[in-house]
């Protein structure tokens, strides 16, 4: 058993080395050919068509073998009839629901992509259209999420109806973005709120002083630096730092109150978080439900189109990702086999 595991481990190691060499070679070739794989491409997907395709697949799978041909013929008739209705319809455009996604990290690094997606939608959307943002973020840097919230305000200023759907979390900076929507929907156990500001940093002054290490901090401007990591912090510096936090919190509350005027901002701006049902009772959200259920309900009366900018990957990158995925699967299988071997009888 031990010899077999050793041989398998060596094989996986050789495979990983080979995959690494091939990936590096392909990446180098792509770079030498000036393969522009870093550009973003706009990917659009009609969600109505996707759901209709899946519905038909399931209907066929659940039907009796003899009824499948009749069902396929019925599907073709439905498609032809729908095509005739669309050709004979008035030139007035049906409503379109544009679906965007934002998964935020502490730096809100997806803001640039979101800004470009919003620009694309604003260039094509017409009166009566709706924008749905599926949002997931626990917040992060104040200035980063302030910019992301400003991008959401562009939709409001353009007169488009906006809906934010929160399936997991929209807290702190995430809620700063979410409250810019006309309608905010959250799943029953989604985390919402955290209208507060926090900052912390270590101070090593006493440790350095114990070892006779001096730190010189020179500034021009009384409050250029309030709290430091290595220097000695003063009561005045702490007071100023706290004042800055309070001012940021005031701006946060003002932003939320302007966009949700019926909300008792002083009651909820305590830094606490609430799950979806409690958030609804406090006025932080407008309704309960998942993004999936909301989009499915909109498909009955509108075209629902997913909009996403994604990197145009080169052939080398795609092959490298495929090889990497294969190596990961091999390692996972090896670990599973080793774990299962612990329970084998000897």
C-alpha atoms as a PDB file:
ATOM      1  CA  UNK A   1       0.000   0.000   0.000  1.00  0.00           C
ATOM      2  CA  UNK A   2       2.743   2.468   0.953  1.00  0.00           C
ATOM      3  CA  UNK A   3       4.734   1.718  -2.232  1.00  0.00           C
ATOM      4  CA  UNK A   4       1.625   2.320  -4.370  1.00  0.00           C
ATOM      5  CA  UNK A   5       0.965   5.662  -2.694  1.00  0.00           C
ATOM      6  CA  UNK A   6       4.607   6.702  -3.172  1.00  0.00           C
ATOM      7  CA  UNK A   7       4.514   5.839  -6.869  1.00  0.00           C
ATOM      8  CA  UNK A   8       1.245   7.717  -7.327  1.00  0.00           C
ATOM      9  CA  UNK A   9       2.670  10.746  -5.529  1.00  0.00           C
ATOM     10  CA  UNK A  10       5.724  10.756  -7.817  1.00  0.00           C
ATOM     11  CA  UNK A  11       3.486  10.482 -10.863  1.00  0.00           C
ATOM     12  CA  UNK A  12       1.388  13.452  -9.752  1.00  0.00           C
ATOM     13  CA  UNK A  13       4.545  15.468  -9.049  1.00  0.00           C
ATOM     14  CA  UNK A  14       5.917  14.723 -12.545  1.00  0.00           C
ATOM     15  CA  UNK A  15       2.540  15.644 -14.050  1.00  0.00           C
ATOM     16  CA  UNK A  16       2.512  18.947 -12.161  1.00  0.00           C
ATOM     17  CA  UNK A  17       6.028  19.805 -13.337  1.00  0.00           C
ATOM     18  CA  UNK A  18       5.113  18.938 -16.930  1.00  0.00           C
ATOM     19  CA  UNK A  19       1.967  21.047 -16.729  1.00  0.00           C
ATOM     20  CA  UNK A  20       3.958  23.970 -15.349  1.00  0.00           C
ATOM     21  CA  UNK A  21       6.515  23.751 -18.148  1.00  0.00           C
ATOM     22  CA  UNK A  22       3.807  23.531 -20.826  1.00  0.00           C
ATOM     23  CA  UNK A  23       1.903  26.455 -19.290  1.00  0.00           C
ATOM     24  CA  UNK A  24       5.012  28.637 -19.171  1.00  0.00           C
ATOM     25  CA  UNK A  25       5.879  27.764 -22.759  1.00  0.00           C
ATOM     26  CA  UNK A  26       2.397  28.580 -24.003  1.00  0.00           C
ATOM     27  CA  UNK A  27       2.323  31.839 -22.063  1.00  0.00           C
ATOM     28  CA  UNK A  28       5.679  32.826 -23.553  1.00  0.00           C
ATOM     29  CA  UNK A  29       4.511  31.999 -27.078  1.00  0.00           C
ATOM     30  CA  UNK A  30       1.336  34.026 -26.594  1.00  0.00           C
ATOM     31  CA  UNK A  31       3.342  36.977 -25.282  1.00  0.00           C
ATOM     32  CA  UNK A  32       5.774  36.833 -28.189  1.00  0.00           C
ATOM     33  CA  UNK A  33       2.877  36.804 -30.639  1.00  0.00           C
ATOM     34  CA  UNK A  34       1.400  39.884 -28.936  1.00  0.00           C
ATOM     35  CA  UNK A  35      -1.781  37.989 -28.312  1.00  0.00           C
ATOM     36  CA  UNK A  36      -4.030  40.657 -26.813  1.00  0.00           C
ATOM     37  CA  UNK A  37      -5.894  38.489 -24.310  1.00  0.00           C
ATOM     38  CA  UNK A  38      -6.270  41.206 -21.702  1.00  0.00           C
ATOM     39  CA  UNK A  39      -9.034  43.125 -23.484  1.00  0.00           C
ATOM     40  CA  UNK A  40     -12.535  42.856 -22.121  1.00  0.00           C
ATOM     41  CA  UNK A  41     -15.396  41.585 -24.209  1.00  0.00           C
ATOM     42  CA  UNK A  42     -19.074  42.177 -23.610  1.00  0.00           C
ATOM     43  CA  UNK A  43     -20.996  38.985 -23.033  1.00  0.00           C
ATOM     44  CA  UNK A  44     -24.779  39.081 -23.336  1.00  0.00           C
ATOM     45  CA  UNK A  45     -27.100  36.208 -22.494  1.00  0.00           C
ATOM     46  CA  UNK A  46     -30.871  36.132 -22.934  1.00  0.00           C
ATOM     47  CA  UNK A  47     -31.990  34.457 -19.730  1.00  0.00           C
ATOM     48  CA  UNK A  48     -35.510  33.888 -21.092  1.00  0.00           C
ATOM     49  CA  UNK A  49     -34.097  31.609 -23.789  1.00  0.00           C
ATOM     50  CA  UNK A  50     -31.901  29.773 -21.321  1.00  0.00           C
ATOM     51  CA  UNK A  51     -34.802  29.014 -18.986  1.00  0.00           C
ATOM     52  CA  UNK A  52     -37.102  28.012 -21.829  1.00  0.00           C
ATOM     53  CA  UNK A  53     -34.452  25.612 -23.165  1.00  0.00           C
ATOM     54  CA  UNK A  54     -34.054  23.992 -19.758  1.00  0.00           C
ATOM     55  CA  UNK A  55     -37.814  23.762 -19.281  1.00  0.00           C
ATOM     56  CA  UNK A  56     -38.175  21.920 -22.562  1.00  0.00           C
ATOM     57  CA  UNK A  57     -35.294  19.574 -21.730  1.00  0.00           C
ATOM     58  CA  UNK A  58     -36.933  18.639 -18.450  1.00  0.00           C
ATOM     59  CA  UNK A  59     -40.332  18.235 -20.073  1.00  0.00           C
ATOM     60  CA  UNK A  60     -38.881  15.870 -22.666  1.00  0.00           C
ATOM     61  CA  UNK A  61     -37.009  13.876 -20.025  1.00  0.00           C
ATOM     62  CA  UNK A  62     -40.171  13.445 -17.945  1.00  0.00           C
ATOM     63  CA  UNK A  63     -42.424  12.519 -20.874  1.00  0.00           C
ATOM     64  CA  UNK A  64     -43.241   9.041 -22.128  1.00  0.00           C
ATOM     65  CA  UNK A  65     -41.047   7.873 -25.044  1.00  0.00           C
ATOM     66  CA  UNK A  66     -43.988   7.827 -27.431  1.00  0.00           C
ATOM     67  CA  UNK A  67     -44.957  11.403 -26.611  1.00  0.00           C
ATOM     68  CA  UNK A  68     -41.573  13.018 -27.261  1.00  0.00           C
ATOM     69  CA  UNK A  69     -42.036  13.414 -31.011  1.00  0.00           C
ATOM     70  CA  UNK A  70     -45.401  15.118 -30.495  1.00  0.00           C
ATOM     71  CA  UNK A  71     -43.847  17.369 -27.871  1.00  0.00           C
ATOM     72  CA  UNK A  72     -40.985  18.343 -30.205  1.00  0.00           C
ATOM     73  CA  UNK A  73     -43.494  19.211 -32.931  1.00  0.00           C
ATOM     74  CA  UNK A  74     -45.435  21.332 -30.432  1.00  0.00           C
ATOM     75  CA  UNK A  75     -42.230  23.161 -29.501  1.00  0.00           C
ATOM     76  CA  UNK A  76     -41.545  23.920 -33.178  1.00  0.00           C
ATOM     77  CA  UNK A  77     -45.088  25.234 -33.650  1.00  0.00           C
ATOM     78  CA  UNK A  78     -44.672  27.436 -30.582  1.00  0.00           C
ATOM     79  CA  UNK A  79     -41.409  28.831 -31.951  1.00  0.00           C
ATOM     80  CA  UNK A  80     -42.976  29.616 -35.329  1.00  0.00           C
ATOM     81  CA  UNK A  81     -45.997  31.249 -33.699  1.00  0.00           C
ATOM     82  CA  UNK A  82     -43.761  33.343 -31.477  1.00  0.00           C
ATOM     83  CA  UNK A  83     -41.704  34.403 -34.465  1.00  0.00           C
ATOM     84  CA  UNK A  84     -44.869  35.503 -36.313  1.00  0.00           C
ATOM     85  CA  UNK A  85     -46.064  37.460 -33.285  1.00  0.00           C
ATOM     86  CA  UNK A  86     -42.717  39.239 -33.000  1.00  0.00           C
ATOM     87  CA  UNK A  87     -42.735  40.163 -36.717  1.00  0.00           C
ATOM     88  CA  UNK A  88     -46.312  41.416 -36.583  1.00  0.00           C
ATOM     89  CA  UNK A  89     -45.875  43.257 -33.308  1.00  0.00           C
ATOM     90  CA  UNK A  90     -45.939  47.049 -33.167  1.00  0.00           C
ATOM     91  CA  UNK A  91     -42.604  48.842 -33.344  1.00  0.00           C
ATOM     92  CA  UNK A  92     -42.927  49.726 -29.645  1.00  0.00           C
ATOM     93  CA  UNK A  93     -40.149  47.925 -27.824  1.00  0.00           C
ATOM     94  CA  UNK A  94     -40.998  45.517 -25.030  1.00  0.00           C
ATOM     95  CA  UNK A  95     -39.462  46.198 -21.653  1.00  0.00           C
ATOM     96  CA  UNK A  96     -35.941  44.911 -21.095  1.00  0.00           C
ATOM     97  CA  UNK A  97     -34.433  43.940 -17.762  1.00  0.00           C
ATOM     98  CA  UNK A  98     -30.642  44.302 -17.757  1.00  0.00           C
ATOM     99  CA  UNK A  99     -28.903  42.096 -15.184  1.00  0.00           C
ATOM    100  CA  UNK A 100     -25.514  43.040 -13.709  1.00  0.00           C
ATOM    101  CA  UNK A 101     -23.402  41.302 -11.058  1.00  0.00           C
ATOM    102  CA  UNK A 102     -21.078  42.728  -8.420  1.00  0.00           C
ATOM    103  CA  UNK A 103     -19.006  40.590  -6.046  1.00  0.00           C
ATOM    104  CA  UNK A 104     -17.086  43.027  -3.869  1.00  0.00           C
ATOM    105  CA  UNK A 105     -13.830  42.509  -2.014  1.00  0.00           C
ATOM    106  CA  UNK A 106     -12.297  44.859   0.551  1.00  0.00           C
ATOM    107  CA  UNK A 107     -10.984  47.154  -2.221  1.00  0.00           C
ATOM    108  CA  UNK A 108     -14.154  46.963  -4.345  1.00  0.00           C
ATOM    109  CA  UNK A 109     -11.852  46.011  -7.204  1.00  0.00           C
ATOM    110  CA  UNK A 110     -14.784  45.194  -9.487  1.00  0.00           C
ATOM    111  CA  UNK A 111     -15.906  48.828  -9.581  1.00  0.00           C
ATOM    112  CA  UNK A 112     -14.126  49.589 -12.862  1.00  0.00           C
ATOM    113  CA  UNK A 113     -15.827  46.700 -14.627  1.00  0.00           C
ATOM    114  CA  UNK A 114     -19.189  47.665 -13.121  1.00  0.00           C
ATOM    115  CA  UNK A 115     -18.736  51.250 -14.343  1.00  0.00           C
ATOM    116  CA  UNK A 116     -18.131  50.056 -17.917  1.00  0.00           C
ATOM    117  CA  UNK A 117     -21.116  47.705 -17.781  1.00  0.00           C
ATOM    118  CA  UNK A 118     -23.335  50.545 -16.571  1.00  0.00           C
ATOM    119  CA  UNK A 119     -22.054  52.753 -19.388  1.00  0.00           C
ATOM    120  CA  UNK A 120     -22.932  50.039 -21.907  1.00  0.00           C
ATOM    121  CA  UNK A 121     -26.438  49.657 -20.484  1.00  0.00           C
ATOM    122  CA  UNK A 122     -27.047  53.411 -20.386  1.00  0.00           C
ATOM    123  CA  UNK A 123     -26.077  53.628 -24.047  1.00  0.00           C
ATOM    124  CA  UNK A 124     -28.715  51.057 -25.041  1.00  0.00           C
ATOM    125  CA  UNK A 125     -31.485  51.193 -22.443  1.00  0.00           C
ATOM    126  CA  UNK A 126     -34.770  52.933 -23.207  1.00  0.00           C
ATOM    127  CA  UNK A 127     -37.571  54.393 -21.129  1.00  0.00           C
ATOM    128  CA  UNK A 128     -39.281  51.741 -19.052  1.00  0.00           C
ATOM    129  CA  UNK A 129     -36.268  49.438 -18.844  1.00  0.00           C
ATOM    130  CA  UNK A 130     -35.037  48.095 -15.523  1.00  0.00           C
ATOM    131  CA  UNK A 131     -31.547  47.319 -14.227  1.00  0.00           C
ATOM    132  CA  UNK A 132     -31.143  44.504 -11.693  1.00  0.00           C
ATOM    133  CA  UNK A 133     -27.893  44.278  -9.764  1.00  0.00           C
ATOM    134  CA  UNK A 134     -27.122  41.004  -8.021  1.00  0.00           C
ATOM    135  CA  UNK A 135     -24.939  42.310  -5.210  1.00  0.00           C
ATOM    136  CA  UNK A 136     -22.680  40.457  -2.798  1.00  0.00           C
ATOM    137  CA  UNK A 137     -20.286  42.427  -0.604  1.00  0.00           C
ATOM    138  CA  UNK A 138     -19.336  42.710   3.054  1.00  0.00           C
ATOM    139  CA  UNK A 139     -17.838  46.162   2.487  1.00  0.00           C
ATOM    140  CA  UNK A 140     -14.310  47.505   2.649  1.00  0.00           C
ATOM    141  CA  UNK A 141     -12.467  50.752   2.008  1.00  0.00           C
ATOM    142  CA  UNK A 142     -14.581  53.886   2.311  1.00  0.00           C
ATOM    143  CA  UNK A 143     -13.343  55.653  -0.812  1.00  0.00           C
ATOM    144  CA  UNK A 144     -13.540  52.466  -2.914  1.00  0.00           C
ATOM    145  CA  UNK A 145     -17.161  51.756  -2.035  1.00  0.00           C
ATOM    146  CA  UNK A 146     -18.006  55.433  -2.260  1.00  0.00           C
ATOM    147  CA  UNK A 147     -16.999  55.269  -5.913  1.00  0.00           C
ATOM    148  CA  UNK A 148     -18.995  52.052  -6.437  1.00  0.00           C
ATOM    149  CA  UNK A 149     -22.079  53.719  -4.913  1.00  0.00           C
ATOM    150  CA  UNK A 150     -21.573  56.703  -7.219  1.00  0.00           C
ATOM    151  CA  UNK A 151     -21.698  54.341 -10.194  1.00  0.00           C
ATOM    152  CA  UNK A 152     -25.064  53.079  -8.957  1.00  0.00           C
ATOM    153  CA  UNK A 153     -26.304  56.660  -8.715  1.00  0.00           C
ATOM    154  CA  UNK A 154     -25.701  57.033 -12.464  1.00  0.00           C
ATOM    155  CA  UNK A 155     -28.582  54.642 -13.090  1.00  0.00           C
ATOM    156  CA  UNK A 156     -30.897  56.646 -10.862  1.00  0.00           C
ATOM    157  CA  UNK A 157     -29.869  59.919 -12.510  1.00  0.00           C
ATOM    158  CA  UNK A 158     -30.581  58.428 -15.957  1.00  0.00           C
ATOM    159  CA  UNK A 159     -34.142  57.662 -14.886  1.00  0.00           C
ATOM    160  CA  UNK A 160     -33.843  53.873 -15.069  1.00  0.00           C
ATOM    161  CA  UNK A 161     -35.686  51.731 -12.554  1.00  0.00           C
ATOM    162  CA  UNK A 162     -33.105  49.916 -10.446  1.00  0.00           C
ATOM    163  CA  UNK A 163     -33.442  46.838  -8.259  1.00  0.00           C
ATOM    164  CA  UNK A 164     -30.725  45.362  -6.063  1.00  0.00           C
ATOM    165  CA  UNK A 165     -31.021  41.689  -5.098  1.00  0.00           C
ATOM    166  CA  UNK A 166     -28.987  40.465  -2.132  1.00  0.00           C
ATOM    167  CA  UNK A 167     -28.718  36.698  -1.761  1.00  0.00           C
ATOM    168  CA  UNK A 168     -25.927  36.521   0.835  1.00  0.00           C
ATOM    169  CA  UNK A 169     -24.556  39.800   2.148  1.00  0.00           C
ATOM    170  CA  UNK A 170     -24.729  43.562   1.565  1.00  0.00           C
ATOM    171  CA  UNK A 171     -23.113  45.084   4.621  1.00  0.00           C
ATOM    172  CA  UNK A 172     -21.240  48.317   5.294  1.00  0.00           C
ATOM    173  CA  UNK A 173     -19.928  49.459   1.898  1.00  0.00           C
ATOM    174  CA  UNK A 174     -22.121  46.825   0.258  1.00  0.00           C
ATOM    175  CA  UNK A 175     -25.206  48.423   1.780  1.00  0.00           C
ATOM    176  CA  UNK A 176     -23.875  51.842   0.760  1.00  0.00           C
ATOM    177  CA  UNK A 177     -24.197  50.598  -2.822  1.00  0.00           C
ATOM    178  CA  UNK A 178     -27.470  48.724  -2.336  1.00  0.00           C
ATOM    179  CA  UNK A 179     -29.457  51.631  -0.918  1.00  0.00           C
ATOM    180  CA  UNK A 180     -28.972  53.554  -4.176  1.00  0.00           C
ATOM    181  CA  UNK A 181     -31.584  51.302  -5.832  1.00  0.00           C
ATOM    182  CA  UNK A 182     -35.270  52.106  -6.173  1.00  0.00           C
ATOM    183  CA  UNK A 183     -36.078  48.686  -4.764  1.00  0.00           C
ATOM    184  CA  UNK A 184     -33.987  46.491  -2.495  1.00  0.00           C
ATOM    185  CA  UNK A 185     -34.758  42.796  -2.121  1.00  0.00           C
ATOM    186  CA  UNK A 186     -32.914  40.379   0.164  1.00  0.00           C
ATOM    187  CA  UNK A 187     -33.061  36.656   0.807  1.00  0.00           C
ATOM    188  CA  UNK A 188     -34.535  35.725   4.215  1.00  0.00           C
ATOM    189  CA  UNK A 189     -31.112  34.982   5.720  1.00  0.00           C
ATOM    190  CA  UNK A 190     -29.040  37.517   3.792  1.00  0.00           C
ATOM    191  CA  UNK A 191     -26.872  39.753   5.983  1.00  0.00           C
ATOM    192  CA  UNK A 192     -27.789  43.443   5.647  1.00  0.00           C
ATOM    193  CA  UNK A 193     -26.778  46.651   7.397  1.00  0.00           C
ATOM    194  CA  UNK A 194     -23.560  47.378   9.288  1.00  0.00           C
ATOM    195  CA  UNK A 195     -24.007  51.128   8.812  1.00  0.00           C
ATOM    196  CA  UNK A 196     -20.864  52.075  10.678  1.00  0.00           C
ATOM    197  CA  UNK A 197     -17.160  52.800  10.308  1.00  0.00           C
ATOM    198  CA  UNK A 198     -14.228  50.949  11.826  1.00  0.00           C
ATOM    199  CA  UNK A 199     -10.462  51.450  11.818  1.00  0.00           C
ATOM    200  CA  UNK A 200      -7.692  49.785  13.756  1.00  0.00           C
ATOM    201  CA  UNK A 201      -3.914  49.635  13.709  1.00  0.00           C
ATOM    202  CA  UNK A 202      -1.261  48.174  15.979  1.00  0.00           C
ATOM    203  CA  UNK A 203       1.177  50.355  17.905  1.00  0.00           C
ATOM    204  CA  UNK A 204       4.685  49.055  18.540  1.00  0.00           C
ATOM    205  CA  UNK A 205       6.026  52.101  20.364  1.00  0.00           C
ATOM    206  CA  UNK A 206       6.422  50.471  23.775  1.00  0.00           C
ATOM    207  CA  UNK A 207       8.074  47.392  22.268  1.00  0.00           C
ATOM    208  CA  UNK A 208      10.586  49.534  20.390  1.00  0.00           C
ATOM    209  CA  UNK A 209      11.223  51.713  23.426  1.00  0.00           C
ATOM    210  CA  UNK A 210      11.972  48.621  25.511  1.00  0.00           C
ATOM    211  CA  UNK A 211      14.725  47.766  23.018  1.00  0.00           C
ATOM    212  CA  UNK A 212      16.044  51.347  22.832  1.00  0.00           C
ATOM    213  CA  UNK A 213      14.770  51.929  19.310  1.00  0.00           C
ATOM    214  CA  UNK A 214      13.714  55.480  18.509  1.00  0.00           C
ATOM    215  CA  UNK A 215      11.305  56.402  15.720  1.00  0.00           C
ATOM    216  CA  UNK A 216      11.347  59.929  14.317  1.00  0.00           C
ATOM    217  CA  UNK A 217       8.092  61.077  12.735  1.00  0.00           C
ATOM    218  CA  UNK A 218       8.235  64.444  10.985  1.00  0.00           C
ATOM    219  CA  UNK A 219       5.141  66.097   9.537  1.00  0.00           C
ATOM    220  CA  UNK A 220       4.158  69.414   8.016  1.00  0.00           C
ATOM    221  CA  UNK A 221       0.601  70.136   9.075  1.00  0.00           C
ATOM    222  CA  UNK A 222      -0.896  69.640  12.502  1.00  0.00           C
ATOM    223  CA  UNK A 223      -2.969  66.609  11.559  1.00  0.00           C
ATOM    224  CA  UNK A 224      -0.928  65.149   8.709  1.00  0.00           C
ATOM    225  CA  UNK A 225      -0.535  62.023  10.846  1.00  0.00           C
ATOM    226  CA  UNK A 226      -2.822  61.376  13.824  1.00  0.00           C
ATOM    227  CA  UNK A 227      -2.110  57.772  14.836  1.00  0.00           C
ATOM    228  CA  UNK A 228       1.057  55.883  13.926  1.00  0.00           C
ATOM    229  CA  UNK A 229       2.266  52.304  14.115  1.00  0.00           C
ATOM    230  CA  UNK A 230       5.778  52.980  15.444  1.00  0.00           C
ATOM    231  CA  UNK A 231       5.613  56.392  17.087  1.00  0.00           C
ATOM    232  CA  UNK A 232       3.999  57.424  20.366  1.00  0.00           C
ATOM    233  CA  UNK A 233       0.328  58.281  19.939  1.00  0.00           C
ATOM    234  CA  UNK A 234      -1.026  61.337  21.736  1.00  0.00           C
ATOM    235  CA  UNK A 235      -4.494  62.047  23.167  1.00  0.00           C
ATOM    236  CA  UNK A 236      -4.871  64.849  20.629  1.00  0.00           C
ATOM    237  CA  UNK A 237      -4.074  62.458  17.797  1.00  0.00           C
ATOM    238  CA  UNK A 238      -6.610  59.925  19.058  1.00  0.00           C
ATOM    239  CA  UNK A 239      -9.292  62.579  19.367  1.00  0.00           C
ATOM    240  CA  UNK A 240      -8.671  63.764  15.820  1.00  0.00           C
ATOM    241  CA  UNK A 241      -8.735  60.211  14.475  1.00  0.00           C
ATOM    242  CA  UNK A 242     -12.034  59.557  16.257  1.00  0.00           C
ATOM    243  CA  UNK A 243     -13.396  62.836  14.882  1.00  0.00           C
ATOM    244  CA  UNK A 244     -12.536  61.702  11.361  1.00  0.00           C
ATOM    245  CA  UNK A 245     -14.343  58.394  11.936  1.00  0.00           C
ATOM    246  CA  UNK A 246     -17.406  60.209  13.256  1.00  0.00           C
ATOM    247  CA  UNK A 247     -17.424  62.495  10.211  1.00  0.00           C
ATOM    248  CA  UNK A 248     -17.216  59.499   7.857  1.00  0.00           C
ATOM    249  CA  UNK A 249     -20.082  57.859   9.749  1.00  0.00           C
ATOM    250  CA  UNK A 250     -22.124  61.064   9.393  1.00  0.00           C
ATOM    251  CA  UNK A 251     -21.578  61.025   5.620  1.00  0.00           C
ATOM    252  CA  UNK A 252     -22.543  57.344   5.490  1.00  0.00           C
ATOM    253  CA  UNK A 253     -25.797  58.019   7.347  1.00  0.00           C
ATOM    254  CA  UNK A 254     -26.567  61.018   5.168  1.00  0.00           C
ATOM    255  CA  UNK A 255     -26.053  58.949   2.010  1.00  0.00           C
ATOM    256  CA  UNK A 256     -28.421  56.219   3.207  1.00  0.00           C
ATOM    257  CA  UNK A 257     -31.039  58.650   4.526  1.00  0.00           C
ATOM    258  CA  UNK A 258     -31.200  60.537   1.223  1.00  0.00           C
ATOM    259  CA  UNK A 259     -31.873  57.360  -0.718  1.00  0.00           C
ATOM    260  CA  UNK A 260     -34.187  55.704   1.818  1.00  0.00           C
ATOM    261  CA  UNK A 261     -36.051  58.651   3.376  1.00  0.00           C
ATOM    262  CA  UNK A 262     -38.554  56.475   5.265  1.00  0.00           C
ATOM    263  CA  UNK A 263     -35.766  54.718   7.181  1.00  0.00           C
ATOM    264  CA  UNK A 264     -35.160  55.634  10.828  1.00  0.00           C
ATOM    265  CA  UNK A 265     -31.473  56.174  10.210  1.00  0.00           C
ATOM    266  CA  UNK A 266     -30.481  56.815  13.844  1.00  0.00           C
ATOM    267  CA  UNK A 267     -32.059  53.541  14.914  1.00  0.00           C
ATOM    268  CA  UNK A 268     -30.206  51.412  12.355  1.00  0.00           C
ATOM    269  CA  UNK A 269     -26.892  53.270  11.980  1.00  0.00           C
ATOM    270  CA  UNK A 270     -25.361  51.492  14.972  1.00  0.00           C
ATOM    271  CA  UNK A 271     -22.987  49.253  13.038  1.00  0.00           C
ATOM    272  CA  UNK A 272     -25.229  46.234  13.641  1.00  0.00           C
ATOM    273  CA  UNK A 273     -26.168  43.674  11.001  1.00  0.00           C
ATOM    274  CA  UNK A 274     -29.551  42.044  10.504  1.00  0.00           C
ATOM    275  CA  UNK A 275     -30.763  39.042   8.582  1.00  0.00           C
ATOM    276  CA  UNK A 276     -33.254  39.564   5.786  1.00  0.00           C
ATOM    277  CA  UNK A 277     -36.481  39.192   7.778  1.00  0.00           C
ATOM    278  CA  UNK A 278     -35.343  41.534  10.547  1.00  0.00           C
ATOM    279  CA  UNK A 279     -33.959  43.966   7.967  1.00  0.00           C
ATOM    280  CA  UNK A 280     -37.400  44.068   6.320  1.00  0.00           C
ATOM    281  CA  UNK A 281     -39.125  44.933   9.595  1.00  0.00           C
ATOM    282  CA  UNK A 282     -36.655  47.787  10.140  1.00  0.00           C
ATOM    283  CA  UNK A 283     -37.076  49.190   6.641  1.00  0.00           C
ATOM    284  CA  UNK A 284     -33.564  48.363   5.431  1.00  0.00           C
ATOM    285  CA  UNK A 285     -34.992  46.321   2.539  1.00  0.00           C
ATOM    286  CA  UNK A 286     -38.290  46.429   0.664  1.00  0.00           C
ATOM    287  CA  UNK A 287     -39.068  42.746   0.169  1.00  0.00           C
ATOM    288  CA  UNK A 288     -37.842  39.221   0.763  1.00  0.00           C
ATOM    289  CA  UNK A 289     -36.804  36.794  -1.954  1.00  0.00           C
ATOM    290  CA  UNK A 290     -33.885  35.512  -3.935  1.00  0.00           C
ATOM    291  CA  UNK A 291     -32.509  37.032  -7.104  1.00  0.00           C
ATOM    292  CA  UNK A 292     -33.452  33.866  -8.979  1.00  0.00           C
ATOM    293  CA  UNK A 293     -37.105  34.102  -8.014  1.00  0.00           C
ATOM    294  CA  UNK A 294     -37.228  37.792  -8.898  1.00  0.00           C
ATOM    295  CA  UNK A 295     -35.708  37.323 -12.353  1.00  0.00           C
ATOM    296  CA  UNK A 296     -37.986  34.383 -13.132  1.00  0.00           C
ATOM    297  CA  UNK A 297     -41.012  36.504 -12.227  1.00  0.00           C
ATOM    298  CA  UNK A 298     -39.817  39.295 -14.537  1.00  0.00           C
ATOM    299  CA  UNK A 299     -39.457  36.903 -17.471  1.00  0.00           C
ATOM    300  CA  UNK A 300     -43.225  36.705 -17.821  1.00  0.00           C
ATOM    301  CA  UNK A 301     -43.431  40.322 -18.964  1.00  0.00           C
ATOM    302  CA  UNK A 302     -39.963  41.398 -20.119  1.00  0.00           C
ATOM    303  CA  UNK A 303     -36.822  40.316 -21.889  1.00  0.00           C
ATOM    304  CA  UNK A 304     -34.163  39.559 -19.269  1.00  0.00           C
ATOM    305  CA  UNK A 305     -30.588  39.970 -20.504  1.00  0.00           C
ATOM    306  CA  UNK A 306     -27.456  39.309 -18.480  1.00  0.00           C
ATOM    307  CA  UNK A 307     -24.651  41.800 -19.163  1.00  0.00           C
ATOM    308  CA  UNK A 308     -21.073  41.006 -18.230  1.00  0.00           C
ATOM    309  CA  UNK A 309     -17.636  42.218 -19.226  1.00  0.00           C
ATOM    310  CA  UNK A 310     -15.079  39.451 -19.067  1.00  0.00           C
ATOM    311  CA  UNK A 311     -11.442  39.139 -20.143  1.00  0.00           C
ATOM    312  CA  UNK A 312     -10.799  37.737 -23.595  1.00  0.00           C
ATOM    313  CA  UNK A 313      -8.475  34.868 -22.738  1.00  0.00           C
ATOM    314  CA  UNK A 314      -5.797  33.750 -25.132  1.00  0.00           C
ATOM    315  CA  UNK A 315      -5.417  30.157 -26.271  1.00  0.00           C
ATOM    316  CA  UNK A 316      -2.398  29.769 -23.982  1.00  0.00           C
ATOM    317  CA  UNK A 317      -4.359  30.976 -20.975  1.00  0.00           C
ATOM    318  CA  UNK A 318      -7.256  28.644 -21.707  1.00  0.00           C
ATOM    319  CA  UNK A 319      -4.946  25.651 -22.092  1.00  0.00           C
ATOM    320  CA  UNK A 320      -3.061  26.631 -18.969  1.00  0.00           C
ATOM    321  CA  UNK A 321      -6.307  26.833 -16.986  1.00  0.00           C
ATOM    322  CA  UNK A 322      -7.379  23.430 -18.312  1.00  0.00           C
ATOM    323  CA  UNK A 323      -4.054  21.850 -17.321  1.00  0.00           C
ATOM    324  CA  UNK A 324      -4.179  23.521 -13.916  1.00  0.00           C
ATOM    325  CA  UNK A 325      -7.694  22.217 -13.352  1.00  0.00           C
ATOM    326  CA  UNK A 326      -6.588  18.709 -14.290  1.00  0.00           C
ATOM    327  CA  UNK A 327      -3.663  18.805 -11.863  1.00  0.00           C
ATOM    328  CA  UNK A 328      -5.909  20.083  -9.077  1.00  0.00           C
ATOM    329  CA  UNK A 329      -8.357  17.252  -9.670  1.00  0.00           C
ATOM    330  CA  UNK A 330      -5.533  14.701  -9.572  1.00  0.00           C
ATOM    331  CA  UNK A 331      -4.246  16.070  -6.287  1.00  0.00           C
ATOM    332  CA  UNK A 332      -7.754  16.097  -4.815  1.00  0.00           C
ATOM    333  CA  UNK A 333      -8.250  12.474  -5.798  1.00  0.00           C
ATOM    334  CA  UNK A 334      -4.915  11.534  -4.255  1.00  0.00           C
ATOM    335  CA  UNK A 335      -5.829  13.235  -0.996  1.00  0.00           C
ATOM    336  CA  UNK A 336      -9.220  11.517  -0.986  1.00  0.00           C
ATOM    337  CA  UNK A 337      -7.546   8.146  -1.547  1.00  0.00           C
ATOM    338  CA  UNK A 338      -5.054   8.777   1.248  1.00  0.00           C
ATOM    339  CA  UNK A 339      -7.859   9.812   3.574  1.00  0.00           C
ATOM    340  CA  UNK A 340      -9.899   6.728   2.662  1.00  0.00           C
ATOM    341  CA  UNK A 341      -6.826   4.544   3.221  1.00  0.00           C
ATOM    342  CA  UNK A 342      -6.857   5.464   6.902  1.00  0.00           C
ATOM    343  CA  UNK A 343     -10.016   3.410   7.306  1.00  0.00           C
ATOM    344  CA  UNK A 344      -8.951   0.365   5.296  1.00  0.00           C
ATOM    345  CA  UNK A 345      -8.459  -2.815   7.266  1.00  0.00           C
ATOM    346  CA  UNK A 346      -4.952  -4.152   7.186  1.00  0.00           C
END
